[in-house]
Amino acid sequence: MTQTSNIVTRTLALIASAALCMLAMSAPLTARAYAGQDVGPHGQARLFQGRVIAPKAAPGAITEQELECESGGSGLRCSFAVKRGATIREVGADAAAGAVVENRPEGPKSA
C-alpha cells in the first residue's frame, strides 16, 4: 500500500466512525413525544387547542402536557394529565380532529 492510499483508508475509517457515533448519539433524541414546536409550525397551536378540549372532558387542572405520536386517528395526539382533587386522569385528543380519543384514570396502560 502506498502512503497516500494508507492516509485515504485511515481518513475514511475516521469518517465512518464519526458517522456511527453521531447516529448512536441521535437515537435518544428521536423520542416520540414533543413539546409542540418540534412537530412543525402548528404544534403549539394544537397543544393550545387541546388545553381547551381536555378540561371539558375531565374538569380539573392540567399538570402535564405533551404532543405525541400514537396509533389511531391522525397519529398525532395531545395528551394531558388533568388533576381534580386526588384523582389524575389522562386525556388524549387527536391533534388533527380535536376529538377526545382517551379519557381514563392515569396509570399503567392495559394491554
Protein backbone atom coordinates (compact mmCIF):
# COMPACT_ATOMS: atom_id res chain seq x y z
CA MET A 1 0.00 0.00 0.00
CA THR A 2 1.26 3.43 -0.79
CA GLN A 3 1.39 6.16 1.77
CA THR A 4 -1.40 8.09 0.01
CA SER A 5 -3.80 5.12 -0.02
CA ASN A 6 -2.97 4.46 3.63
CA ILE A 7 -3.93 8.05 4.52
CA VAL A 8 -7.15 7.78 2.48
CA THR A 9 -8.04 4.49 4.21
CA ARG A 10 -7.48 5.99 7.67
CA THR A 11 -9.47 9.11 6.77
CA LEU A 12 -12.42 7.03 5.52
CA ALA A 13 -12.30 4.88 8.65
CA LEU A 14 -12.32 8.00 10.82
CA ILE A 15 -15.27 9.49 8.92
CA ALA A 16 -17.21 6.23 9.16
CA SER A 17 -16.53 6.02 12.91
CA ALA A 18 -17.64 9.62 13.40
CA ALA A 19 -20.84 8.97 11.43
CA LEU A 20 -21.65 5.90 13.54
CA CYS A 21 -21.04 7.87 16.75
CA MET A 22 -23.35 10.64 15.57
CA LEU A 23 -26.02 8.11 14.66
CA ALA A 24 -25.75 6.42 18.05
CA MET A 25 -25.95 9.74 19.86
CA SER A 26 -29.00 10.87 17.90
CA ALA A 27 -31.04 7.75 18.75
CA PRO A 28 -32.20 9.03 22.15
CA LEU A 29 -33.16 12.34 20.53
CA THR A 30 -35.76 10.67 18.32
CA ALA A 31 -38.31 10.38 21.12
CA ARG A 32 -41.92 10.18 20.13
CA ALA A 33 -43.18 12.92 22.44
CA TYR A 34 -42.77 16.57 21.56
CA ALA A 35 -43.07 19.92 23.26
CA GLY A 36 -45.12 21.18 20.32
CA GLN A 37 -42.65 23.29 18.38
CA ASP A 38 -40.88 20.10 17.22
CA VAL A 39 -43.76 18.98 15.00
CA GLY A 40 -43.97 21.99 12.77
CA PRO A 41 -45.41 25.47 12.92
CA HIS A 42 -48.81 24.31 14.18
CA GLY A 43 -47.58 22.16 17.08
CA GLN A 44 -48.03 24.82 19.75
CA ALA A 45 -51.45 25.75 18.34
CA ARG A 46 -52.54 22.11 18.57
CA LEU A 47 -51.45 21.93 22.20
CA PHE A 48 -53.32 25.18 22.89
CA GLN A 49 -56.49 23.78 21.33
CA GLY A 50 -56.03 20.57 23.30
CA ARG A 51 -55.78 22.62 26.52
CA VAL A 52 -59.29 23.87 25.75
CA ILE A 53 -60.66 20.38 24.98
CA ALA A 54 -59.10 18.44 27.90
CA PRO A 55 -60.82 20.25 30.82
CA LYS A 56 -64.19 19.79 29.10
CA ALA A 57 -63.61 16.04 29.02
CA ALA A 58 -62.18 15.88 32.56
CA PRO A 59 -62.63 19.05 34.63
CA GLY A 60 -59.58 20.00 36.68
CA ALA A 61 -56.11 21.50 36.42
CA ILE A 62 -53.72 20.39 33.67
CA THR A 63 -50.49 19.30 35.34
CA GLU A 64 -48.66 17.80 32.34
CA GLN A 65 -48.95 18.03 28.56
CA GLU A 66 -47.24 16.57 25.53
CA LEU A 67 -47.76 16.14 21.83
CA GLU A 68 -47.01 12.55 20.87
CA CYS A 69 -47.27 10.04 18.08
CA GLU A 70 -49.88 7.39 18.86
CA SER A 71 -51.72 4.83 16.80
CA GLY A 72 -55.25 5.68 15.73
CA GLY A 73 -56.74 8.88 14.43
CA SER A 74 -54.28 11.20 12.71
CA GLY A 75 -51.38 9.60 14.58
CA LEU A 76 -50.61 12.81 16.47
CA ARG A 77 -52.16 13.18 19.91
CA CYS A 78 -52.25 15.94 22.52
CA SER A 79 -52.04 14.18 25.89
CA PHE A 80 -52.78 15.85 29.21
CA ALA A 81 -52.70 14.85 32.86
CA VAL A 82 -55.70 16.54 34.46
CA LYS A 83 -55.82 16.67 38.27
CA ARG A 84 -59.01 17.13 40.26
CA GLY A 85 -58.61 16.57 43.97
CA ALA A 86 -56.51 13.44 44.45
CA THR A 87 -57.54 11.98 41.08
CA ILE A 88 -55.44 12.36 37.94
CA ARG A 89 -56.94 11.50 34.56
CA GLU A 90 -55.12 11.07 31.28
CA VAL A 91 -56.97 12.84 28.49
CA GLY A 92 -55.88 12.48 24.89
CA ALA A 93 -57.22 14.48 21.95
CA ASP A 94 -56.50 13.78 18.30
CA ALA A 95 -54.33 16.72 17.25
CA ALA A 96 -55.88 16.99 13.78
CA ALA A 97 -59.57 16.36 14.52
CA GLY A 98 -59.69 17.75 18.07
CA ALA A 99 -61.79 14.78 19.19
CA VAL A 100 -61.19 13.19 22.61
CA VAL A 101 -59.75 9.72 21.99
CA GLU A 102 -58.70 8.86 25.55
CA ASN A 103 -60.11 9.73 28.96
CA ARG A 104 -59.11 7.37 31.75
CA PRO A 105 -57.53 7.35 35.20
CA GLU A 106 -53.77 7.79 34.93
CA GLY A 107 -51.72 4.66 35.47
CA PRO A 108 -50.31 1.74 33.55
CA LYS A 109 -51.93 1.14 30.17
CA SER A 110 -53.97 -2.01 29.92
CA ALA A 111 -52.88 -4.47 27.25
